[in-house]
Amino acid sequence: MVKYKVSVRKSFSSAHCLRGYKGRCENLHGHNWKVKATFWGNRLDETGMLIDFVDIKMRLGKIIEFLDHKFLNEIDPFDKINPTSENIAAFILEQLKRIETENAKVYEVEVWESESSSATVTIEN
């Protein structure tokens, strides 16, 4: 069976501190985050697309706008859960489910907090 994947990358800047963590990251600090969102499916639409990049970019852009230049610990849901890279990735993935189509489902979100460190959340197929 053929599977297609399409991805979009965006970035944002924000600050956070990790509650309950012992180390430097318990202190307020910021990151220039990078996000890669991937959708998958095994059928293309009538135009030959899995999902329009424009749709992914628009939705991811709205999510990024919500997170950009914020102190994450003060916004929902990170006022209750730690704003770790893993939790940020899961939050973005859940928000992207709103644009899923019959053919295209959100598959994976990867969030980098630095050039060398990232967290990925994946939906099992």
N, C-alpha and C. Protein backbone atom coordinates (compact mmCIF):
# COMPACT_ATOMS: atom_id res chain seq x y z
N MET A 1 0.85 -1.18 0.00
CA MET A 1 0.00 0.00 0.00
C MET A 1 0.89 1.25 0.00
N VAL A 2 0.57 2.19 -0.85
CA VAL A 2 1.31 3.45 -0.94
C VAL A 2 0.86 4.36 0.20
N LYS A 3 1.83 5.01 0.83
CA LYS A 3 1.53 6.02 1.84
C LYS A 3 2.21 7.31 1.42
N TYR A 4 1.49 8.40 1.56
CA TYR A 4 2.03 9.72 1.26
C TYR A 4 2.20 10.47 2.58
N LYS A 5 3.24 11.28 2.64
CA LYS A 5 3.43 12.19 3.77
C LYS A 5 3.76 13.56 3.22
N VAL A 6 3.18 14.58 3.83
CA VAL A 6 3.52 15.96 3.50
C VAL A 6 3.82 16.69 4.81
N SER A 7 4.78 17.60 4.76
CA SER A 7 5.21 18.30 5.97
C SER A 7 5.36 19.79 5.72
N VAL A 8 5.18 20.54 6.79
CA VAL A 8 5.36 21.99 6.80
C VAL A 8 6.20 22.33 8.02
N ARG A 9 7.10 23.30 7.86
CA ARG A 9 7.92 23.78 8.97
C ARG A 9 7.62 25.24 9.24
N LYS A 10 7.60 25.58 10.51
CA LYS A 10 7.44 26.97 10.95
C LYS A 10 8.26 27.14 12.22
N SER A 11 8.39 28.38 12.67
CA SER A 11 9.15 28.64 13.89
C SER A 11 8.47 29.73 14.71
N PHE A 12 8.84 29.78 15.98
CA PHE A 12 8.35 30.82 16.88
C PHE A 12 9.34 30.98 18.02
N SER A 13 9.19 32.07 18.75
CA SER A 13 10.03 32.35 19.91
C SER A 13 9.14 32.48 21.13
N SER A 14 9.56 31.89 22.23
CA SER A 14 8.82 32.03 23.48
C SER A 14 9.72 31.66 24.64
N ALA A 15 9.23 31.97 25.83
CA ALA A 15 9.96 31.66 27.06
C ALA A 15 9.17 30.66 27.88
N HIS A 16 9.88 29.94 28.72
CA HIS A 16 9.24 29.02 29.65
C HIS A 16 10.19 28.71 30.79
N CYS A 17 9.67 28.05 31.79
CA CYS A 17 10.49 27.46 32.84
C CYS A 17 9.80 26.15 33.23
N LEU A 18 10.59 25.16 33.57
CA LEU A 18 10.04 23.83 33.86
C LEU A 18 9.80 23.67 35.35
N ARG A 19 8.54 23.48 35.70
CA ARG A 19 8.15 23.26 37.09
C ARG A 19 8.59 21.86 37.52
N GLY A 20 9.09 21.75 38.74
CA GLY A 20 9.47 20.45 39.28
C GLY A 20 10.77 19.91 38.72
N TYR A 21 11.46 20.68 37.93
CA TYR A 21 12.72 20.26 37.32
C TYR A 21 13.87 20.82 38.14
N LYS A 22 14.90 20.03 38.37
CA LYS A 22 16.07 20.48 39.11
C LYS A 22 17.21 20.68 38.12
N GLY A 23 17.53 21.91 37.87
CA GLY A 23 18.59 22.23 36.92
C GLY A 23 18.33 23.58 36.31
N ARG A 24 19.13 23.94 35.33
CA ARG A 24 19.06 25.27 34.74
C ARG A 24 17.70 25.57 34.12
N CYS A 25 17.02 24.56 33.61
CA CYS A 25 15.75 24.80 32.91
C CYS A 25 14.59 25.11 33.85
N GLU A 26 14.82 25.02 35.17
CA GLU A 26 13.78 25.44 36.09
C GLU A 26 13.68 26.97 36.13
N ASN A 27 14.71 27.65 35.63
CA ASN A 27 14.73 29.11 35.57
C ASN A 27 14.11 29.59 34.26
N LEU A 28 13.56 30.77 34.30
CA LEU A 28 12.99 31.38 33.11
C LEU A 28 14.06 31.49 32.01
N HIS A 29 13.72 31.00 30.82
CA HIS A 29 14.63 31.08 29.67
C HIS A 29 13.79 30.98 28.40
N GLY A 30 14.40 31.32 27.28
CA GLY A 30 13.67 31.32 26.02
C GLY A 30 14.31 30.43 24.97
N HIS A 31 13.52 30.15 23.94
CA HIS A 31 13.98 29.35 22.81
C HIS A 31 13.45 29.95 21.52
N ASN A 32 14.16 29.71 20.46
CA ASN A 32 13.67 29.92 19.11
C ASN A 32 13.27 28.54 18.60
N TRP A 33 12.01 28.20 18.82
CA TRP A 33 11.48 26.87 18.53
C TRP A 33 11.30 26.69 17.02
N LYS A 34 11.49 25.47 16.56
CA LYS A 34 11.15 25.09 15.19
C LYS A 34 10.16 23.94 15.27
N VAL A 35 9.19 23.96 14.36
CA VAL A 35 8.12 22.96 14.37
C VAL A 35 8.00 22.36 12.98
N LYS A 36 7.92 21.04 12.92
CA LYS A 36 7.64 20.34 11.67
C LYS A 36 6.37 19.52 11.89
N ALA A 37 5.36 19.80 11.09
CA ALA A 37 4.08 19.08 11.17
C ALA A 37 3.93 18.22 9.92
N THR A 38 3.60 16.95 10.14
CA THR A 38 3.48 16.00 9.04
C THR A 38 2.09 15.36 9.04
N PHE A 39 1.49 15.32 7.85
CA PHE A 39 0.22 14.61 7.63
C PHE A 39 0.50 13.40 6.75
N TRP A 40 -0.34 12.38 6.84
CA TRP A 40 -0.15 11.19 6.03
C TRP A 40 -1.50 10.67 5.54
N GLY A 41 -1.43 9.85 4.53
CA GLY A 41 -2.62 9.19 4.00
C GLY A 41 -2.21 8.31 2.83
N ASN A 42 -3.14 7.50 2.34
CA ASN A 42 -2.80 6.63 1.22
C ASN A 42 -3.67 6.89 0.00
N ARG A 43 -4.38 8.04 0.01
CA ARG A 43 -5.18 8.43 -1.15
C ARG A 43 -5.04 9.92 -1.39
N LEU A 44 -4.84 10.29 -2.63
CA LEU A 44 -4.77 11.70 -3.00
C LEU A 44 -6.16 12.18 -3.41
N ASP A 45 -6.37 13.48 -3.30
CA ASP A 45 -7.66 14.03 -3.72
C ASP A 45 -7.67 14.19 -5.25
N GLU A 46 -8.76 14.78 -5.77
CA GLU A 46 -8.93 14.88 -7.22
C GLU A 46 -7.89 15.80 -7.88
N THR A 47 -7.21 16.63 -7.09
CA THR A 47 -6.17 17.50 -7.64
C THR A 47 -4.79 16.86 -7.57
N GLY A 48 -4.72 15.66 -7.00
CA GLY A 48 -3.44 14.98 -6.86
C GLY A 48 -2.68 15.36 -5.60
N MET A 49 -3.40 15.92 -4.61
CA MET A 49 -2.77 16.30 -3.35
C MET A 49 -3.30 15.45 -2.21
N LEU A 50 -2.44 15.22 -1.24
CA LEU A 50 -2.89 14.60 0.00
C LEU A 50 -3.68 15.62 0.80
N ILE A 51 -3.08 16.77 1.02
CA ILE A 51 -3.72 17.92 1.67
C ILE A 51 -2.97 19.14 1.17
N ASP A 52 -3.66 20.24 1.05
CA ASP A 52 -3.04 21.46 0.52
C ASP A 52 -2.07 22.02 1.56
N PHE A 53 -0.83 22.30 1.12
CA PHE A 53 0.15 22.92 2.00
C PHE A 53 -0.40 24.21 2.61
N VAL A 54 -1.20 24.94 1.83
CA VAL A 54 -1.77 26.20 2.30
C VAL A 54 -2.60 25.97 3.55
N ASP A 55 -3.40 24.91 3.57
CA ASP A 55 -4.25 24.61 4.73
C ASP A 55 -3.41 24.31 5.96
N ILE A 56 -2.35 23.53 5.78
CA ILE A 56 -1.47 23.21 6.91
C ILE A 56 -0.79 24.49 7.40
N LYS A 57 -0.25 25.28 6.48
CA LYS A 57 0.45 26.51 6.86
C LYS A 57 -0.47 27.47 7.60
N MET A 58 -1.71 27.58 7.15
CA MET A 58 -2.65 28.50 7.81
C MET A 58 -2.96 28.05 9.23
N ARG A 59 -3.26 26.76 9.40
CA ARG A 59 -3.60 26.26 10.74
C ARG A 59 -2.38 26.30 11.65
N LEU A 60 -1.24 25.84 11.15
CA LEU A 60 -0.03 25.87 11.96
C LEU A 60 0.34 27.31 12.29
N GLY A 61 0.12 28.22 11.36
CA GLY A 61 0.38 29.63 11.61
C GLY A 61 -0.45 30.19 12.76
N LYS A 62 -1.72 29.79 12.85
CA LYS A 62 -2.58 30.25 13.94
C LYS A 62 -2.10 29.69 15.28
N ILE A 63 -1.67 28.45 15.27
CA ILE A 63 -1.15 27.83 16.50
C ILE A 63 0.12 28.55 16.93
N ILE A 64 1.01 28.79 15.97
CA ILE A 64 2.27 29.48 16.25
C ILE A 64 2.00 30.88 16.78
N GLU A 65 1.04 31.58 16.17
CA GLU A 65 0.69 32.93 16.62
C GLU A 65 0.27 32.91 18.09
N PHE A 66 -0.46 31.87 18.50
CA PHE A 66 -0.89 31.73 19.89
C PHE A 66 0.30 31.55 20.83
N LEU A 67 1.36 30.88 20.36
CA LEU A 67 2.52 30.57 21.21
C LEU A 67 3.64 31.61 21.11
N ASP A 68 3.68 32.35 20.03
CA ASP A 68 4.82 33.22 19.74
C ASP A 68 4.92 34.41 20.70
N HIS A 69 6.14 34.65 21.16
CA HIS A 69 6.46 35.76 22.05
C HIS A 69 5.59 35.76 23.30
N LYS A 70 5.41 34.58 23.85
CA LYS A 70 4.63 34.42 25.09
C LYS A 70 5.51 33.75 26.15
N PHE A 71 5.11 33.94 27.40
CA PHE A 71 5.64 33.15 28.50
C PHE A 71 4.71 31.96 28.61
N LEU A 72 5.13 30.82 28.08
CA LEU A 72 4.25 29.67 27.92
C LEU A 72 3.59 29.22 29.22
N ASN A 73 4.28 29.36 30.34
CA ASN A 73 3.73 28.93 31.62
C ASN A 73 2.45 29.67 31.98
N GLU A 74 2.15 30.77 31.31
CA GLU A 74 0.98 31.57 31.64
C GLU A 74 -0.20 31.37 30.70
N ILE A 75 -0.03 30.51 29.67
CA ILE A 75 -1.14 30.30 28.74
C ILE A 75 -1.62 28.85 28.80
N ASP A 76 -2.91 28.67 28.52
CA ASP A 76 -3.54 27.35 28.53
C ASP A 76 -2.99 26.51 27.38
N PRO A 77 -2.61 25.28 27.54
CA PRO A 77 -2.73 24.43 28.73
C PRO A 77 -1.48 24.42 29.60
N PHE A 78 -0.49 25.24 29.24
CA PHE A 78 0.80 25.17 29.92
C PHE A 78 0.81 25.88 31.26
N ASP A 79 -0.30 26.50 31.62
CA ASP A 79 -0.44 27.01 32.97
C ASP A 79 -0.74 25.86 33.94
N LYS A 80 -1.09 24.70 33.38
CA LYS A 80 -1.36 23.51 34.19
C LYS A 80 -0.35 22.39 33.96
N ILE A 81 0.10 22.22 32.72
CA ILE A 81 1.10 21.19 32.42
C ILE A 81 2.42 21.85 32.05
N ASN A 82 3.50 21.15 32.28
CA ASN A 82 4.82 21.71 31.99
C ASN A 82 4.98 21.98 30.50
N PRO A 83 5.50 23.14 30.13
CA PRO A 83 5.72 23.46 28.72
C PRO A 83 7.02 22.83 28.20
N THR A 84 7.09 21.52 28.29
CA THR A 84 8.24 20.78 27.75
C THR A 84 8.09 20.68 26.24
N SER A 85 9.17 20.36 25.57
CA SER A 85 9.09 20.16 24.11
C SER A 85 8.08 19.08 23.77
N GLU A 86 8.03 18.02 24.57
CA GLU A 86 7.09 16.92 24.33
C GLU A 86 5.65 17.41 24.44
N ASN A 87 5.35 18.18 25.48
CA ASN A 87 3.98 18.68 25.66
C ASN A 87 3.60 19.72 24.62
N ILE A 88 4.56 20.53 24.19
CA ILE A 88 4.29 21.50 23.13
C ILE A 88 3.98 20.77 21.83
N ALA A 89 4.75 19.73 21.52
CA ALA A 89 4.50 18.93 20.31
C ALA A 89 3.11 18.29 20.37
N ALA A 90 2.74 17.73 21.51
CA ALA A 90 1.42 17.10 21.65
C ALA A 90 0.30 18.13 21.51
N PHE A 91 0.49 19.31 22.07
CA PHE A 91 -0.50 20.38 21.96
C PHE A 91 -0.70 20.76 20.49
N ILE A 92 0.38 20.96 19.77
CA ILE A 92 0.30 21.33 18.36
C ILE A 92 -0.38 20.24 17.56
N LEU A 93 -0.01 18.98 17.81
CA LEU A 93 -0.64 17.87 17.10
C LEU A 93 -2.15 17.86 17.32
N GLU A 94 -2.58 18.03 18.55
CA GLU A 94 -4.03 18.03 18.84
C GLU A 94 -4.73 19.17 18.12
N GLN A 95 -4.10 20.33 18.05
CA GLN A 95 -4.70 21.48 17.35
C GLN A 95 -4.78 21.23 15.85
N LEU A 96 -3.81 20.52 15.30
CA LEU A 96 -3.80 20.24 13.86
C LEU A 96 -4.87 19.23 13.45
N LYS A 97 -5.38 18.46 14.38
CA LYS A 97 -6.44 17.50 14.05
C LYS A 97 -7.68 18.19 13.48
N ARG A 98 -7.82 19.49 13.75
CA ARG A 98 -8.99 20.24 13.28
C ARG A 98 -9.05 20.36 11.77
N ILE A 99 -7.92 20.17 11.08
CA ILE A 99 -7.94 20.30 9.62
C ILE A 99 -7.77 18.96 8.92
N GLU A 100 -7.87 17.87 9.66
CA GLU A 100 -7.78 16.57 9.01
C GLU A 100 -8.91 16.42 7.99
N THR A 101 -8.62 15.66 6.95
CA THR A 101 -9.62 15.37 5.93
C THR A 101 -9.85 13.86 5.91
N GLU A 102 -10.73 13.44 5.05
CA GLU A 102 -10.95 11.99 4.89
C GLU A 102 -9.66 11.31 4.45
N ASN A 103 -8.87 11.99 3.61
CA ASN A 103 -7.65 11.40 3.07
C ASN A 103 -6.40 11.67 3.90
N ALA A 104 -6.36 12.78 4.62
CA ALA A 104 -5.14 13.22 5.29
C ALA A 104 -5.35 13.35 6.80
N LYS A 105 -4.52 12.64 7.54
CA LYS A 105 -4.56 12.69 9.00
C LYS A 105 -3.22 13.19 9.51
N VAL A 106 -3.27 13.96 10.60
CA VAL A 106 -2.02 14.40 11.20
C VAL A 106 -1.28 13.16 11.68
N TYR A 107 -0.01 13.10 11.38
CA TYR A 107 0.80 11.92 11.67
C TYR A 107 1.84 12.19 12.76
N GLU A 108 2.49 13.35 12.65
CA GLU A 108 3.63 13.59 13.53
C GLU A 108 3.89 15.08 13.66
N VAL A 109 4.33 15.48 14.85
CA VAL A 109 4.82 16.84 15.07
C VAL A 109 6.15 16.73 15.78
N GLU A 110 7.14 17.41 15.23
CA GLU A 110 8.46 17.46 15.86
C GLU A 110 8.74 18.91 16.23
N VAL A 111 9.20 19.11 17.47
CA VAL A 111 9.50 20.44 17.98
C VAL A 111 10.95 20.47 18.43
N TRP A 112 11.70 21.41 17.86
CA TRP A 112 13.10 21.62 18.26
C TRP A 112 13.16 22.81 19.20
N GLU A 113 13.86 22.64 20.32
CA GLU A 113 14.10 23.79 21.19
C GLU A 113 15.50 24.35 20.96
N SER A 114 16.32 23.61 20.22
CA SER A 114 17.65 24.07 19.83
C SER A 114 18.03 23.34 18.55
N GLU A 115 19.16 23.66 18.00
CA GLU A 115 19.63 23.00 16.78
C GLU A 115 19.87 21.51 16.98
N SER A 116 20.11 21.10 18.23
CA SER A 116 20.49 19.71 18.46
C SER A 116 19.50 18.92 19.33
N SER A 117 18.40 19.55 19.75
CA SER A 117 17.46 18.86 20.66
C SER A 117 16.03 19.03 20.18
N SER A 118 15.35 17.89 19.99
CA SER A 118 13.94 17.94 19.57
C SER A 118 13.15 16.84 20.25
N ALA A 119 11.84 17.02 20.25
CA ALA A 119 10.90 16.00 20.74
C ALA A 119 9.86 15.77 19.65
N THR A 120 9.46 14.52 19.49
CA THR A 120 8.49 14.16 18.46
C THR A 120 7.33 13.40 19.09
N VAL A 121 6.13 13.75 18.65
CA VAL A 121 4.95 12.99 19.03
C VAL A 121 4.35 12.46 17.73
N THR A 122 4.01 11.16 17.73
CA THR A 122 3.54 10.48 16.52
C THR A 122 2.24 9.75 16.82
N ILE A 123 1.32 9.79 15.87
CA ILE A 123 0.09 9.01 15.94
C ILE A 123 0.40 7.63 15.35
N GLU A 124 0.09 6.60 16.08
CA GLU A 124 0.28 5.24 15.55
C GLU A 124 -0.81 4.93 14.54
N ASN A 125 -0.42 4.39 13.39
CA ASN A 125 -1.40 4.05 12.34
C ASN A 125 -1.89 2.64 12.53
